[in-house]
C-alpha cells in the first residue's frame, strides 16, 4: 500500500493515525485473547480445571539451608549462595576460612 502522506491534509493524517491506533489496539487484544485461550487449553490438558489453578499451583521456591553460622551469634547464617554477608567478608579479610564457619 503506497500512500503519499505529503499530499494529505492534516485532518486526513490525523484520521489515519486514529484509525491505525484503533486497529493496532484491536490486533493486540485479539492476540492476547488467543494466547489466553491456548494457555487455558494447555492447562486443561495437563489436568487443571483452569489457567488460574495452574498458575496457583506453581511450587514455592525453597529456601536454601544454611551452610555457615556466625560463631558468636547463631542467628546469623549464610547458605553459601549469593552475596557474602558482611560478617563473612570481615572474617575472610581477617584471615579466617569458610570452613571455620561451616555448620
Protein backbone atom coordinates (compact mmCIF):
# COMPACT_ATOMS: atom_id res chain seq x y z
CA UNK A 1 0.00 0.00 0.00
CA UNK A 2 1.62 3.18 -1.21
CA UNK A 3 0.22 6.38 0.23
CA UNK A 4 1.86 9.70 -0.42
CA UNK A 5 1.46 11.21 3.04
CA UNK A 6 2.86 14.52 1.79
CA UNK A 7 -0.27 15.05 -0.32
CA UNK A 8 -2.69 14.56 2.59
CA UNK A 9 -4.13 17.28 4.75
CA UNK A 10 -3.51 17.46 8.48
CA UNK A 11 -7.05 16.24 9.17
CA UNK A 12 -6.60 13.27 6.85
CA UNK A 13 -3.32 12.38 8.54
CA UNK A 14 -4.94 12.60 11.99
CA UNK A 15 -7.78 10.35 10.82
CA UNK A 16 -5.31 7.77 9.51
CA UNK A 17 -3.40 7.96 12.79
CA UNK A 18 -6.60 7.50 14.82
CA UNK A 19 -7.76 4.51 12.74
CA UNK A 20 -4.28 2.95 12.85
CA UNK A 21 -4.08 3.24 16.63
CA UNK A 22 -7.51 1.60 16.98
CA UNK A 23 -6.55 -1.20 14.56
CA UNK A 24 -3.30 -1.83 16.43
CA UNK A 25 -5.08 -1.99 19.79
CA UNK A 26 -7.69 -4.37 18.34
CA UNK A 27 -4.97 -6.59 16.87
CA UNK A 28 -3.08 -6.75 20.19
CA UNK A 29 -6.27 -7.58 22.10
CA UNK A 30 -7.09 -10.44 19.69
CA UNK A 31 -3.56 -11.79 20.03
CA UNK A 32 -3.77 -11.69 23.84
CA UNK A 33 -7.15 -13.46 23.83
CA UNK A 34 -5.73 -16.17 21.55
CA UNK A 35 -2.74 -16.64 23.89
CA UNK A 36 -5.02 -16.92 26.93
CA UNK A 37 -7.21 -19.45 25.11
CA UNK A 38 -4.19 -21.57 24.13
CA UNK A 39 -2.76 -21.42 27.67
CA UNK A 40 -6.15 -22.43 29.09
CA UNK A 41 -6.29 -25.41 26.74
CA UNK A 42 -2.79 -26.47 27.81
CA UNK A 43 -3.76 -26.13 31.49
CA UNK A 44 -6.87 -28.27 31.00
CA UNK A 45 -4.90 -30.88 29.04
CA UNK A 46 -2.50 -31.07 31.99
CA UNK A 47 -5.36 -31.78 34.39
CA UNK A 48 -6.04 -28.33 35.82
CA UNK A 49 -9.59 -27.01 35.93
CA UNK A 50 -8.49 -23.57 34.79
CA UNK A 51 -5.49 -21.46 33.88
CA UNK A 52 -5.73 -19.75 37.27
CA UNK A 53 -5.46 -23.13 39.04
CA UNK A 54 -2.34 -23.96 37.07
CA UNK A 55 -0.73 -20.64 37.91
CA UNK A 56 -1.61 -21.03 41.59
CA UNK A 57 -0.05 -24.49 41.64
CA UNK A 58 3.47 -23.26 40.93
CA UNK A 59 5.80 -24.66 43.57
CA UNK A 60 7.20 -22.14 46.01
CA UNK A 61 10.92 -21.54 45.91
CA UNK A 62 12.68 -23.50 48.57
CA UNK A 63 14.90 -21.55 50.88
CA UNK A 64 18.46 -22.83 50.83
CA UNK A 65 19.65 -24.46 54.02
CA UNK A 66 22.38 -22.53 55.85
CA UNK A 67 25.90 -23.89 55.50
CA UNK A 68 27.72 -21.31 57.61
CA UNK A 69 26.97 -19.83 61.05
CA UNK A 70 28.45 -16.88 62.92
CA UNK A 71 30.47 -18.23 65.88
CA UNK A 72 29.07 -15.74 68.41
CA UNK A 73 25.58 -15.06 67.07
CA UNK A 74 23.88 -18.28 65.94
CA UNK A 75 21.06 -16.32 64.32
CA UNK A 76 23.48 -15.10 61.63
CA UNK A 77 23.73 -17.75 58.95
CA UNK A 78 24.56 -17.95 55.25
CA UNK A 79 23.66 -20.60 52.70
CA UNK A 80 26.78 -20.05 50.62
CA UNK A 81 24.64 -18.70 47.78
CA UNK A 82 24.50 -15.13 46.65
CA UNK A 83 26.40 -12.21 48.06
CA UNK A 84 28.57 -12.88 51.11
CA UNK A 85 27.24 -11.26 54.27
CA UNK A 86 29.37 -8.61 55.94
CA UNK A 87 30.42 -10.82 58.84
CA UNK A 88 31.80 -13.43 56.41
CA UNK A 89 33.64 -10.80 54.38
CA UNK A 90 35.21 -9.33 57.53
CA UNK A 91 36.26 -12.76 58.78
CA UNK A 92 37.80 -13.73 55.44
CA UNK A 93 39.73 -10.44 55.35
CA UNK A 94 40.96 -11.22 58.87
CA UNK A 95 42.47 -14.48 57.64
CA UNK A 96 39.74 -16.98 58.54
CA UNK A 97 38.38 -19.50 56.05
CA UNK A 98 34.82 -20.52 55.24
CA UNK A 99 35.46 -23.89 56.87
CA UNK A 100 35.78 -22.04 60.21
CA UNK A 101 32.05 -21.22 59.96
CA UNK A 102 30.73 -24.46 58.48
CA UNK A 103 27.73 -25.95 60.23
